[in-house]
């Protein structure tokens, strides 16, 4: 009973925090950053792997429908965009209400002698951002009464789940409701990503992004605590493995990424900068850096680095000779080499590195049936199209896929194609240039299929160095979050404007977004 009371109190802390954190623009931006990171991170790192475990690849399809369906509906039926938005919000809240029943039942399980108290603690902790998010979503649009009514309903349903016990938990388990929960999860992501209100904190100069960064760092801290508690209190082996896998990848990557940023600073110092007048050198930087080759050479081996270099030279030469300009040029370059490598380049690459790790963790999940190399290549090409990967992000994705047991063809594809195969770049090409690019990609895959090279790490770095490097890398990424704020930080992934929906609610987000 104590667990039930604590979980209800955790929900009620949401309005209290909102009351004191929304009194001025800076604090409200911090609140937005906290919810954006804690709730979004909870979905990406914790909920999606569980959905994959129980529903397989089809569960991700339902998540995508829940995430992009409302956006597509609003574009197709602009007159009814507000109705679509409100329906999405209702679905998201409905999903959270359904989830609260399972929370109550889970706390009954936590009281058993053979279960850890960490299970109940995890449920209670994750209700802090949920209660805050409910108030954040509903209070500005529907008023305090509706927001409090939803919180009251959540507490009642938690009690219902608690007293109904294990039998109800079985009926509402993920195995029985996985596709419904996947669709609702996508709806929640849609609402969180598309900042549902913002009229009270215009920030055209971005002077409050520091506050948003602080909020996001607090959200990351809570997310880390939740994941540590969850790994101690649950028996979801695949999910626990996926979290540990992410940590292992980060430890392995950290020292090599720092070395890559050093290499970027050095090449900038010696004149190889993104504003170089030579088209060939601009393509060299876009495709290879050449700092991305360092990741490949040290963690996949010199053979893979050599194959990557040959493939990129062929692609870069073809693009240079046919006068194709790279999309998304670097703007506002710093004069200092150190600032270029450890600030400017971190800002551009950090979101891609994080996305690559999460993406590989999801599509490399044991429940996703992508063992066929042709299927793997097709899925990666579809992933690349709407995005604009940087070369470091492509190298990290390739490494993560290799560690997940994906085919050599898929790994090479990520190394060669990720920085260029996207809609924005393809639109700048004519049909003959596109045909040439597709031909080079196909030829590279055929050659790799014939050679079947084996990857291996060039060196084993001591754990102490990995840990120290990860600490430094985390500080660099945290500084980037503080500079940009979480929405501008993540908006770089698809070069979206970090703003609210264009519903007629008087929303006006004047965030500028340049690269």
Protein backbone atom coordinates (compact mmCIF):
# COMPACT_ATOMS: atom_id res chain seq x y z
CA UNK A 1 0.00 0.00 0.00
CA UNK A 2 2.96 2.27 0.69
CA UNK A 3 4.14 1.80 -2.92
CA UNK A 4 0.70 2.82 -4.22
CA UNK A 5 0.69 5.98 -2.09
CA UNK A 6 4.23 6.89 -3.16
CA UNK A 7 3.35 6.48 -6.85
CA UNK A 8 0.34 8.81 -6.49
CA UNK A 9 2.43 11.41 -4.68
CA UNK A 10 5.01 11.20 -7.51
CA UNK A 11 2.25 12.07 -10.00
CA UNK A 12 1.10 15.04 -7.91
CA UNK A 13 4.62 16.46 -7.82
CA UNK A 14 4.18 17.28 -11.53
CA UNK A 15 1.80 20.24 -11.02
CA UNK A 16 3.94 21.47 -8.14
CA UNK A 17 7.10 21.50 -10.24
CA UNK A 18 5.22 23.09 -13.14
CA UNK A 19 3.86 25.83 -10.88
CA UNK A 20 7.32 26.95 -9.81
CA UNK A 21 9.20 26.22 -13.04
CA UNK A 22 6.86 27.96 -15.49
CA UNK A 23 6.86 31.37 -13.83
CA UNK A 24 9.48 32.77 -16.23
CA UNK A 25 10.72 32.06 -19.73
CA UNK A 26 14.06 30.58 -18.73
CA UNK A 27 12.62 28.12 -16.25
CA UNK A 28 9.89 27.12 -18.68
CA UNK A 29 12.53 26.36 -21.30
CA UNK A 30 14.31 24.25 -18.69
CA UNK A 31 11.06 22.41 -18.00
CA UNK A 32 10.62 21.79 -21.72
CA UNK A 33 14.16 20.43 -21.99
CA UNK A 34 13.63 18.13 -19.01
CA UNK A 35 10.39 16.62 -20.38
CA UNK A 36 11.73 16.42 -23.94
CA UNK A 37 14.77 14.39 -22.87
CA UNK A 38 13.36 12.32 -19.99
CA UNK A 39 10.12 11.26 -21.69
CA UNK A 40 11.61 10.98 -25.19
CA UNK A 41 14.63 9.08 -23.88
CA UNK A 42 12.42 6.75 -21.84
CA UNK A 43 10.55 5.84 -25.03
CA UNK A 44 13.66 5.36 -27.21
CA UNK A 45 15.93 3.54 -24.78
CA UNK A 46 13.47 1.69 -22.53
CA UNK A 47 10.04 1.27 -24.15
CA UNK A 48 10.95 0.60 -27.80
CA UNK A 49 13.30 -2.34 -27.01
CA UNK A 50 10.50 -3.90 -24.93
CA UNK A 51 8.01 -3.43 -27.77
CA UNK A 52 10.48 -5.09 -30.14
CA UNK A 53 10.96 -7.96 -27.72
CA UNK A 54 7.22 -8.69 -27.58
CA UNK A 55 5.97 -7.54 -31.00
CA UNK A 56 8.92 -7.84 -33.34
CA UNK A 57 9.49 -5.57 -36.32
CA UNK A 58 5.74 -4.99 -36.80
CA UNK A 59 5.67 -3.09 -33.50
CA UNK A 60 8.08 -0.50 -34.97
CA UNK A 61 5.72 -0.05 -37.94
CA UNK A 62 2.91 0.84 -35.51
CA UNK A 63 5.23 3.27 -33.68
CA UNK A 64 6.07 4.98 -37.00
CA UNK A 65 2.37 5.24 -37.86
CA UNK A 66 1.67 6.83 -34.47
CA UNK A 67 4.64 9.19 -34.89
CA UNK A 68 4.26 10.32 -38.52
CA UNK A 69 0.57 9.62 -39.12
CA UNK A 70 -0.63 12.85 -37.44
CA UNK A 71 1.95 14.92 -39.35
CA UNK A 72 0.87 13.39 -42.66
CA UNK A 73 -2.80 13.96 -41.79
CA UNK A 74 -2.16 17.60 -40.92
CA UNK A 75 -0.41 18.19 -44.25
CA UNK A 76 -3.12 16.42 -46.25
CA UNK A 77 -6.04 17.94 -44.38
CA UNK A 78 -4.66 21.27 -43.21
CA UNK A 79 -8.14 22.60 -42.41
CA UNK A 80 -8.53 19.87 -39.80
CA UNK A 81 -4.98 20.00 -38.43
CA UNK A 82 -6.15 21.15 -35.01
CA UNK A 83 -8.57 18.22 -34.82
CA UNK A 84 -5.77 15.83 -35.79
CA UNK A 85 -3.46 17.31 -33.17
CA UNK A 86 -6.08 17.05 -30.44
CA UNK A 87 -6.85 13.46 -31.44
CA UNK A 88 -3.15 12.60 -31.23
CA UNK A 89 -2.95 14.23 -27.82
CA UNK A 90 -6.00 12.24 -26.68
CA UNK A 91 -4.45 8.98 -27.91
CA UNK A 92 -1.21 9.75 -26.10
CA UNK A 93 -3.01 10.53 -22.84
CA UNK A 94 -5.18 7.43 -23.29
CA UNK A 95 -2.07 5.31 -23.67
CA UNK A 96 -0.56 6.77 -20.50
CA UNK A 97 -3.83 6.00 -18.66
CA UNK A 98 -3.69 2.40 -19.88
CA UNK A 99 -0.08 2.16 -18.78
CA UNK A 100 -0.93 3.34 -15.26
CA UNK A 101 -3.06 0.20 -14.74
CA UNK A 102 -0.03 -1.98 -15.43
CA UNK A 103 2.02 0.23 -13.09
CA UNK A 104 -0.39 -0.57 -10.25
CA UNK A 105 -0.25 -4.28 -11.00
CA UNK A 106 3.54 -4.19 -11.23
CA UNK A 107 3.74 -2.77 -7.71
CA UNK A 108 1.83 -5.81 -6.45
CA UNK A 109 4.52 -7.99 -7.99
CA UNK A 110 7.21 -5.86 -6.33
CA UNK A 111 5.80 -6.78 -2.91
CA UNK A 112 6.58 -10.45 -3.44
CA UNK A 113 9.56 -11.73 -1.50
CA UNK A 114 11.34 -12.98 -4.63
CA UNK A 115 11.17 -9.60 -6.40
CA UNK A 116 13.39 -6.59 -5.90
CA UNK A 117 12.20 -3.33 -4.35
CA UNK A 118 13.86 -1.69 -7.35
CA UNK A 119 10.86 -2.70 -9.47
CA UNK A 120 8.54 -0.51 -7.38
CA UNK A 121 11.15 2.25 -7.21
CA UNK A 122 11.42 2.23 -11.00
CA UNK A 123 7.64 2.59 -11.36
CA UNK A 124 7.56 5.46 -8.86
CA UNK A 125 10.51 7.30 -10.42
CA UNK A 126 9.22 7.15 -13.98
CA UNK A 127 5.92 8.69 -12.87
CA UNK A 128 7.73 11.94 -12.01
CA UNK A 129 8.26 12.98 -15.65
CA UNK A 130 4.87 11.48 -16.60
CA UNK A 131 2.99 13.66 -14.09
CA UNK A 132 5.00 16.69 -15.16
CA UNK A 133 4.36 15.94 -18.84
CA UNK A 134 0.59 15.61 -18.29
CA UNK A 135 0.47 19.08 -16.75
CA UNK A 136 2.85 20.49 -19.36
CA UNK A 137 0.71 19.13 -22.21
CA UNK A 138 -2.79 19.86 -20.91
CA UNK A 139 -2.64 22.90 -18.64
CA UNK A 140 -1.83 25.52 -21.35
CA UNK A 141 -4.42 24.14 -23.79
CA UNK A 142 -7.30 22.80 -21.69
CA UNK A 143 -6.76 24.42 -18.31
CA UNK A 144 -5.94 23.18 -14.82
CA UNK A 145 -9.28 21.38 -14.28
CA UNK A 146 -8.81 18.98 -17.19
CA UNK A 147 -5.18 18.41 -16.32
CA UNK A 148 -6.08 17.60 -12.71
CA UNK A 149 -8.94 15.36 -13.89
CA UNK A 150 -6.48 13.30 -15.96
CA UNK A 151 -4.06 13.02 -13.02
CA UNK A 152 -6.95 11.94 -10.78
CA UNK A 153 -7.94 9.32 -13.38
CA UNK A 154 -4.35 8.08 -13.46
CA UNK A 155 -4.31 7.68 -9.69
CA UNK A 156 -7.66 5.86 -9.73
CA UNK A 157 -6.51 3.51 -12.49
CA UNK A 158 -3.25 2.89 -10.64
CA UNK A 159 -5.30 1.87 -7.60
CA UNK A 160 -7.50 -0.28 -9.82
CA UNK A 161 -4.45 -2.05 -11.21
CA UNK A 162 -2.99 -2.45 -7.72
CA UNK A 163 -6.08 -4.08 -6.24
CA UNK A 164 -6.94 -6.12 -9.34
CA UNK A 165 -3.47 -7.61 -9.14
CA UNK A 166 -1.64 -10.13 -11.24
CA UNK A 167 -4.62 -11.47 -13.21
CA UNK A 168 -5.28 -8.03 -14.72
CA UNK A 169 -1.56 -7.59 -15.41
CA UNK A 170 -1.65 -10.78 -17.49
CA UNK A 171 -4.60 -9.49 -19.54
CA UNK A 172 -2.91 -6.12 -20.14
CA UNK A 173 0.56 -7.55 -20.70
CA UNK A 174 2.65 -6.39 -23.65
CA UNK A 175 2.03 -9.71 -25.40
CA UNK A 176 -1.69 -8.93 -25.54
CA UNK A 177 -1.57 -5.17 -26.20
CA UNK A 178 1.81 -4.70 -27.89
CA UNK A 179 0.55 -3.15 -31.16
CA UNK A 180 -1.87 -0.83 -29.39
CA UNK A 181 0.89 0.31 -27.04
CA UNK A 182 3.28 0.69 -30.00
CA UNK A 183 0.83 2.99 -31.80
CA UNK A 184 0.21 5.00 -28.63
CA UNK A 185 3.98 5.22 -28.01
CA UNK A 186 4.37 6.81 -31.45
CA UNK A 187 1.57 9.26 -30.59
CA UNK A 188 3.35 10.22 -27.36
CA UNK A 189 6.60 10.77 -29.27
CA UNK A 190 4.75 12.93 -31.79
CA UNK A 191 3.32 15.17 -29.08
CA UNK A 192 6.64 15.49 -27.23
CA UNK A 193 8.71 16.19 -30.36
CA UNK A 194 6.31 18.78 -31.76
CA UNK A 195 6.30 21.04 -28.70
CA UNK A 196 2.52 21.44 -28.23
CA UNK A 197 2.58 24.96 -26.84
CA UNK A 198 5.02 27.78 -26.75
CA UNK A 199 3.24 31.08 -26.89
CA UNK A 200 4.45 31.97 -23.41
CA UNK A 201 8.13 31.72 -24.10
CA UNK A 202 9.22 33.21 -27.40
CA UNK A 203 12.97 32.93 -27.66
CA UNK A 204 13.99 34.37 -30.99
CA UNK A 205 17.57 35.02 -29.93
CA UNK A 206 17.92 31.63 -28.25
CA UNK A 207 18.96 33.29 -25.00
CA UNK A 208 17.11 30.68 -22.94
CA UNK A 209 18.64 27.62 -24.64
CA UNK A 210 21.08 27.38 -21.73
CA UNK A 211 18.12 26.81 -19.40
CA UNK A 212 16.74 24.18 -21.78
CA UNK A 213 20.16 22.52 -21.78
CA UNK A 214 20.23 22.40 -17.98
CA UNK A 215 16.75 20.84 -17.99
CA UNK A 216 17.83 18.26 -20.55
CA UNK A 217 20.89 17.29 -18.49
CA UNK A 218 18.63 16.76 -15.47
CA UNK A 219 16.39 14.65 -17.71
CA UNK A 220 19.39 12.55 -18.76
CA UNK A 221 20.34 12.07 -15.09
CA UNK A 222 16.81 10.86 -14.26
CA UNK A 223 16.80 8.61 -17.33
CA UNK A 224 20.13 7.08 -16.28
CA UNK A 225 18.82 6.47 -12.77
CA UNK A 226 15.68 4.82 -14.17
CA UNK A 227 17.71 2.52 -16.40
CA UNK A 228 19.99 1.51 -13.51
CA UNK A 229 16.99 0.80 -11.30
CA UNK A 230 15.22 -1.08 -14.09
CA UNK A 231 18.20 -3.33 -14.77
CA UNK A 232 18.17 -4.32 -11.12
CA UNK A 233 14.45 -4.89 -10.83
CA UNK A 234 13.38 -6.56 -14.09
CA UNK A 235 14.04 -9.88 -15.72
CA UNK A 236 13.74 -8.73 -19.33
CA UNK A 237 16.93 -10.27 -20.57
CA UNK A 238 16.89 -8.81 -24.08
CA UNK A 239 16.07 -5.35 -22.77
CA UNK A 240 18.74 -5.51 -20.08
CA UNK A 241 21.19 -6.75 -22.70
CA UNK A 242 20.35 -3.87 -25.04
CA UNK A 243 21.02 -1.28 -22.32
CA UNK A 244 24.33 -2.90 -21.42
CA UNK A 245 25.19 -3.09 -25.11
CA UNK A 246 24.71 0.65 -25.50
CA UNK A 247 27.01 1.27 -22.54
CA UNK A 248 29.66 -1.08 -23.97
CA UNK A 249 29.52 0.64 -27.37
CA UNK A 250 29.93 4.05 -25.75
CA UNK A 251 32.95 2.89 -23.76
CA UNK A 252 34.55 1.39 -26.87
CA UNK A 253 33.87 4.44 -29.02
CA UNK A 254 34.79 7.22 -26.62
CA UNK A 255 38.62 7.30 -26.95
CA UNK A 256 38.46 6.86 -30.74
CA UNK A 257 35.89 9.65 -31.11
CA UNK A 258 38.11 11.99 -29.11
CA UNK A 259 41.01 11.08 -31.40
CA UNK A 260 38.76 11.85 -34.38
CA UNK A 261 37.98 15.30 -33.01
CA UNK A 262 41.73 15.89 -32.55
CA UNK A 263 42.28 14.89 -36.19
CA UNK A 264 39.51 17.27 -37.29
CA UNK A 265 41.17 20.12 -35.40
CA UNK A 266 44.53 19.35 -37.04
CA UNK A 267 43.18 19.21 -40.59
CA UNK A 268 41.35 22.50 -39.99
CA UNK A 269 44.58 24.04 -38.70
CA UNK A 270 46.44 22.95 -41.85
CA UNK A 271 43.84 24.45 -44.18
CA UNK A 272 41.44 21.57 -44.88
CA UNK A 273 38.28 23.40 -43.84
CA UNK A 274 34.64 23.14 -45.02
CA UNK A 275 34.83 26.50 -46.82
CA UNK A 276 37.68 25.30 -49.06
CA UNK A 277 37.34 26.51 -52.64
CA UNK A 278 38.22 23.09 -54.05
CA UNK A 279 35.11 20.97 -54.72
CA UNK A 280 37.18 17.77 -54.40
CA UNK A 281 38.38 18.75 -50.92
CA UNK A 282 34.86 19.68 -49.84
CA UNK A 283 33.67 16.23 -50.91
CA UNK A 284 36.61 14.63 -49.08
CA UNK A 285 35.50 16.34 -45.88
CA UNK A 286 31.83 15.50 -46.41
CA UNK A 287 32.43 11.81 -47.09
CA UNK A 288 35.44 10.96 -44.92
CA UNK A 289 36.47 13.93 -42.85
CA UNK A 290 39.06 12.21 -42.98
CA UNK A 291 38.46 11.71 -39.26
CA UNK A 292 35.81 9.03 -39.93
CA UNK A 293 38.56 6.80 -41.34
CA UNK A 294 40.20 6.77 -37.91
CA UNK A 295 37.11 5.13 -36.36
CA UNK A 296 37.02 2.52 -39.13
CA UNK A 297 40.75 1.77 -38.99
CA UNK A 298 40.97 1.39 -35.21
CA UNK A 299 37.68 -0.40 -34.50
CA UNK A 300 36.95 -2.34 -37.71
CA UNK A 301 40.50 -2.84 -38.91
CA UNK A 302 42.80 -1.44 -41.64
CA UNK A 303 41.23 -3.65 -44.35
CA UNK A 304 37.82 -2.04 -43.83
CA UNK A 305 39.43 1.41 -43.69
CA UNK A 306 41.22 0.76 -46.99
CA UNK A 307 38.00 -0.47 -48.65
CA UNK A 308 36.16 2.56 -47.29
CA UNK A 309 38.85 4.92 -48.60
CA UNK A 310 38.80 3.34 -52.09
CA UNK A 311 35.00 3.46 -52.25
CA UNK A 312 34.83 7.06 -51.06
CA UNK A 313 37.56 8.17 -53.49
CA UNK A 314 35.55 6.66 -56.37
CA UNK A 315 32.31 8.31 -55.23
CA UNK A 316 33.98 11.64 -54.42
CA UNK A 317 35.81 11.72 -57.77
CA UNK A 318 32.60 10.98 -59.68
CA UNK A 319 30.71 13.71 -57.82
CA UNK A 320 33.53 16.21 -58.36
CA UNK A 321 33.84 15.50 -62.09
CA UNK A 322 30.09 15.84 -62.56
CA UNK A 323 30.06 19.13 -60.60
CA UNK A 324 27.69 18.02 -57.81
CA UNK A 325 27.74 20.42 -54.85
CA UNK A 326 27.45 19.03 -51.30
CA UNK A 327 24.27 19.99 -49.50
CA UNK A 328 24.15 21.61 -46.03
CA UNK A 329 27.41 23.59 -46.02
CA UNK A 330 29.03 24.57 -42.73
CA UNK A 331 28.07 28.12 -41.76
CA UNK A 332 29.64 30.43 -39.16
CA UNK A 333 32.93 28.55 -38.99
CA UNK A 334 35.11 29.40 -35.97
CA UNK A 335 38.63 30.70 -36.52
CA UNK A 336 40.21 28.49 -33.87
CA UNK A 337 41.11 24.91 -34.81
CA UNK A 338 40.29 23.72 -31.29
CA UNK A 339 36.86 25.35 -31.40
CA UNK A 340 36.24 23.74 -34.78
CA UNK A 341 37.11 20.23 -33.61
CA UNK A 342 35.73 20.28 -30.09
CA UNK A 343 32.79 22.65 -30.40
CA UNK A 344 31.58 23.19 -33.99
CA UNK A 345 32.10 19.59 -35.11
CA UNK A 346 30.74 18.20 -31.83
CA UNK A 347 27.56 20.23 -32.35
CA UNK A 348 27.16 18.76 -35.84
CA UNK A 349 28.11 15.15 -35.07
CA UNK A 350 26.88 14.44 -31.52
CA UNK A 351 23.18 14.03 -32.47
CA UNK A 352 24.15 11.64 -35.26
CA UNK A 353 26.37 9.58 -33.00
CA UNK A 354 23.59 9.23 -30.43
CA UNK A 355 21.02 8.41 -33.13
CA UNK A 356 23.33 5.83 -34.74
CA UNK A 357 23.82 4.00 -31.45
CA UNK A 358 20.09 3.96 -30.65
CA UNK A 359 19.18 2.99 -34.22
CA UNK A 360 21.65 0.11 -34.33
CA UNK A 361 20.45 -0.99 -30.89
CA UNK A 362 16.87 -1.18 -32.24
CA UNK A 363 17.31 -2.65 -35.72
CA UNK A 364 20.01 -5.00 -34.43
CA UNK A 365 17.62 -6.33 -31.77
CA UNK A 366 17.25 -10.16 -31.73
CA UNK A 367 13.49 -9.80 -32.33
CA UNK A 368 14.00 -7.96 -35.64
CA UNK A 369 14.29 -10.56 -38.47
CA UNK A 370 16.87 -8.84 -40.68
CA UNK A 371 19.40 -11.61 -41.22
CA UNK A 372 19.32 -11.44 -45.04
CA UNK A 373 22.00 -9.06 -46.42
CA UNK A 374 19.68 -7.80 -49.18
CA UNK A 375 17.01 -6.95 -46.60
CA UNK A 376 19.59 -5.23 -44.41
CA UNK A 377 20.80 -3.09 -47.34
CA UNK A 378 17.23 -2.17 -48.31
CA UNK A 379 16.33 -1.16 -44.74
CA UNK A 380 19.45 0.99 -44.40
CA UNK A 381 18.78 2.80 -47.68
CA UNK A 382 15.25 3.58 -46.49
CA UNK A 383 16.65 4.86 -43.18
CA UNK A 384 19.20 7.08 -44.94
CA UNK A 385 16.76 8.73 -47.37
CA UNK A 386 14.97 11.20 -45.05
CA UNK A 387 18.11 11.92 -43.00
CA UNK A 388 21.42 13.65 -43.59
CA UNK A 389 24.05 11.62 -41.77
CA UNK A 390 27.48 13.09 -41.15
CA UNK A 391 30.53 10.90 -41.80
CA UNK A 392 31.19 10.30 -38.10
CA UNK A 393 27.57 9.22 -37.59
CA UNK A 394 27.87 6.81 -40.53
CA UNK A 395 31.08 5.31 -39.12
CA UNK A 396 29.50 4.86 -35.67
CA UNK A 397 26.43 3.24 -37.25
CA UNK A 398 28.65 0.88 -39.26
CA UNK A 399 30.59 -0.09 -36.16
CA UNK A 400 27.40 -0.71 -34.16
CA UNK A 401 25.94 -2.86 -36.95
CA UNK A 402 29.16 -4.87 -37.18
CA UNK A 403 29.07 -5.49 -33.42
CA UNK A 404 25.40 -6.53 -33.76
CA UNK A 405 26.32 -9.24 -36.27
CA UNK A 406 25.06 -7.55 -39.45
CA UNK A 407 26.47 -8.51 -42.85
CA UNK A 408 29.66 -7.05 -44.31
CA UNK A 409 27.62 -5.49 -47.13
CA UNK A 410 25.46 -3.54 -44.65
CA UNK A 411 28.52 -2.33 -42.72
CA UNK A 412 30.26 -1.10 -45.89
CA UNK A 413 27.04 0.53 -47.08
CA UNK A 414 26.85 2.60 -43.89
CA UNK A 415 30.50 3.65 -44.31
CA UNK A 416 30.13 4.69 -47.95
CA UNK A 417 26.56 5.87 -48.40
CA UNK A 418 25.29 7.36 -45.11
CA UNK A 419 26.74 10.89 -45.70
CA UNK A 420 25.35 11.25 -49.24
CA UNK A 421 22.28 9.07 -49.81
CA UNK A 422 19.51 11.42 -48.74
CA UNK A 423 16.65 13.22 -50.44
CA UNK A 424 18.19 16.68 -50.05
CA UNK A 425 21.43 15.64 -51.80
CA UNK A 426 19.68 13.56 -54.47
CA UNK A 427 17.49 16.56 -55.38
CA UNK A 428 20.64 18.49 -56.33
CA UNK A 429 21.56 15.81 -58.90
CA UNK A 430 20.19 15.13 -62.35
CA UNK A 431 19.20 11.64 -63.48
CA UNK A 432 22.59 10.81 -64.98
CA UNK A 433 24.39 11.82 -61.77
CA UNK A 434 21.99 9.74 -59.68
CA UNK A 435 22.45 6.79 -62.01
CA UNK A 436 26.23 7.09 -61.68
CA UNK A 437 25.97 7.18 -57.88
CA UNK A 438 23.65 4.14 -57.80
CA UNK A 439 25.99 2.27 -60.12
CA UNK A 440 29.00 2.94 -57.88
CA UNK A 441 27.06 1.85 -54.79
CA UNK A 442 25.93 -1.37 -56.48
CA UNK A 443 29.44 -2.11 -57.77
CA UNK A 444 30.89 -1.59 -54.27
CA UNK A 445 28.37 -3.99 -52.75
CA UNK A 446 29.08 -6.64 -55.39
CA UNK A 447 32.84 -6.39 -54.79
CA UNK A 448 32.39 -6.59 -51.01
CA UNK A 449 30.12 -9.63 -51.44
CA UNK A 450 32.91 -11.32 -53.41
CA UNK A 451 35.71 -10.36 -51.02
CA UNK A 452 33.82 -10.88 -47.72
CA UNK A 453 36.47 -9.14 -45.56
CA UNK A 454 36.45 -9.81 -41.82
CA UNK A 455 36.56 -6.97 -39.35
CA UNK A 456 38.62 -6.86 -36.17
CA UNK A 457 39.65 -4.13 -33.74
CA UNK A 458 43.21 -2.94 -34.29
CA UNK A 459 43.91 -2.53 -30.56
CA UNK A 460 42.36 -3.18 -27.16
CA UNK A 461 42.23 -0.01 -25.07
CA UNK A 462 42.39 -0.36 -21.26
CA UNK A 463 39.11 0.06 -19.39
CA UNK A 464 40.47 2.97 -17.37
CA UNK A 465 41.24 4.90 -20.57
CA UNK A 466 37.79 4.07 -21.98
CA UNK A 467 36.09 5.34 -18.83
CA UNK A 468 38.12 8.55 -18.71
CA UNK A 469 37.49 9.16 -22.41
CA UNK A 470 33.75 8.59 -21.99
CA UNK A 471 33.71 11.14 -19.17
CA UNK A 472 35.43 13.74 -21.39
CA UNK A 473 33.13 12.91 -24.32
CA UNK A 474 30.06 13.22 -22.09
CA UNK A 475 31.27 16.68 -21.01
CA UNK A 476 31.69 17.73 -24.67
CA UNK A 477 28.19 16.50 -25.55
CA UNK A 478 26.75 18.15 -22.43
CA UNK A 479 28.38 21.46 -23.43
CA UNK A 480 26.79 21.10 -26.87
CA UNK A 481 23.39 20.55 -25.25
CA UNK A 482 23.87 23.68 -23.17
CA UNK A 483 24.82 25.73 -26.23
CA UNK A 484 21.99 24.55 -28.46
CA UNK A 485 19.22 23.33 -26.18
CA UNK A 486 17.79 19.82 -26.72
CA UNK A 487 15.39 20.70 -29.55
CA UNK A 488 17.99 22.43 -31.74
CA UNK A 489 20.45 19.68 -30.81
CA UNK A 490 18.14 16.93 -32.08
CA UNK A 491 16.64 18.98 -34.94
CA UNK A 492 19.97 18.57 -36.76
CA UNK A 493 19.10 14.93 -37.40
CA UNK A 494 16.64 15.77 -40.16
CA UNK A 495 17.36 19.50 -40.38
CA UNK A 496 13.94 20.36 -39.00
CA UNK A 497 13.02 23.65 -37.45
CA UNK A 498 12.63 23.08 -33.69
CA UNK A 499 9.24 24.65 -33.44
CA UNK A 500 5.68 23.89 -32.56
CA UNK A 501 2.92 22.83 -34.90
CA UNK A 502 1.40 25.47 -37.10
CA UNK A 503 -1.98 25.11 -35.48
CA UNK A 504 -3.91 28.29 -34.99
CA UNK A 505 -3.19 28.51 -31.28
CA UNK A 506 -1.08 31.63 -31.52
CA UNK A 507 2.08 29.55 -31.39
CA UNK A 508 5.16 31.29 -32.56
CA UNK A 509 8.59 29.75 -32.30
CA UNK A 510 11.20 31.87 -33.88
CA UNK A 511 14.12 29.52 -33.42
CA UNK A 512 16.64 29.87 -36.15
CA UNK A 513 18.49 26.80 -37.28
CA UNK A 514 21.63 27.08 -39.32
CA UNK A 515 24.45 24.75 -40.01
